[in-house]
Amino acid sequence: MAGAALTALGLQSGDGDGDGGGDGGGDVSTAAEAVGRPARSRRQGDEFRGMWIATVTNRDFPSRPGLTAAEQRAELVGWLDLAVRRRMTAVMLQVRPSADALWPSPYEPWAQCLTGVQGRDPGWDPLGTAVDEAHARGLELHAWCNPYRVAGHADPRKLAPDHPVRRHPEWALVHDGRMLYNPGLPEVRRHVQDAMLDAVRRYDIDALHWDDYFYPYPVAGQAVDDDAAFARYGTGFADRAAWRRDNTDLLVSEMAARIRAVKPEVAFGISPFGIWRHASTDPAGSATRGGVQTYDDLYADTRRWIQERWIDYVVPQLYWNIGFPSADYAELVRWWDGAVRGTGVRLYLGEALYKVGDPAHPEAWRDPRELVRHVQLARSYENVAGHVYFAAREAAKDPLGALTAVLDASP
């Protein structure tokens, strides 16, 4: 056991390890060439209930860097046991948090969150263990990756000596004091796909899962420095924004095609920021206002990915309360239900369990039944297939008993 962290959260220990195999490849040269494929779920017809387990900066797992392999394994199995107790059907384990890996990847170094030193072998295989132990408990294991984040700092000297950015410094951008891979470079796009596809090939994961970080969130007074890439590759586009969106479309569509070529039974899911566009910007958008729009600000056309069926499921991060003035949860459920209608893409709703009971957030989050109302509302829409909760730490603590209330109200 890993001491105080497990004791405080009431987690249980266990062990296990494993690996898988596979081969194949595939690619498409333009976004429009990729096509959708049949959805896969171990629990077809059941209400999906997922839990994110974040590893970046040791948010959820491991509780701190430098634990022994046995302690880390015990913590991981403890989270899976918690997921069972909380009646989850799936966990989204973050296995590629910052261009590093929770498995022995030939493309990127071992994750810093494991040992405290990026590139240091932790002495076990967290992803292999997670797959085996999740399946033994009847849980789906979705391998959660961040496509472009490199580091929460801007100093490449802090990266592992064999990190791709140390070998290819031209691949990286710095924005708001953080490093990311440059989404405008085809060689970068291929590399990040290769790195993530390695997990698909080698392990019996149920899905490859991405979060919402594509082009970085906007920061006032700071521009993304991709002038050189745009000058080289942006010919023929109406403007830089259209070129950036095409870069993101290619990342998604090519990844979809490559997964299909390697293991068509593995689902591909993305959890974007919850607003595609405002209706004031685009009549097809939601009745929301102000703030980020993924299409315009992150250059991520999430609606197109659904329409083209490049993804098998979508988990919009609807981290607002019912009645929130600028982004009403109820309005966004209505919009996303319409966005997936007739496409075959499964819709799960991302829920802000982390906001419950926190005085920094609106008064509605101090009501333990706010999330119950979310679930009850969602059940009135035929295309909503479940919910995913951010994140594991809060699922363990169950602030205000909100998650227990959701489970009590569930069939």
Foldseek 3Di string as FASTA:
>chain_A
DQPPVCVVLVFFFDADFAKFAWDFFDFDDFLLVFFADAAADPDPPAFAEEFEADQVVCPHPPVAAADAPRNRRGSLLRLLVLCVVLVHQAYAYAAAEAQAGLAPFPQFAHDCRHHVATRDDRPGRVVRTNQVSNVVSNHAYEHEYEQWHHFQADDPVSHPCPGVCVVPVVQWWAWPGGITGDLLDPVSLVSSLVRQVVRLRMHPHQAYEYEAAAPHFDDPPIDTPPVVSCVVPVPPDPDVLRSSLRSQSSSLRGSLRGSCRIPVSRFYEYAHALWQDDCVVPVLGFPADDDDHCCRGVSHNPLVCLQRNSGQEYAYAQADFAPPHRRHSLRSLVSVLVSNPPRNRAYAYEYELVQAPDPVDDPLSPDLCRVVVSVVSNVVRPRHRYYYYYHSVSSSVCPVVSSVVNVVSDD
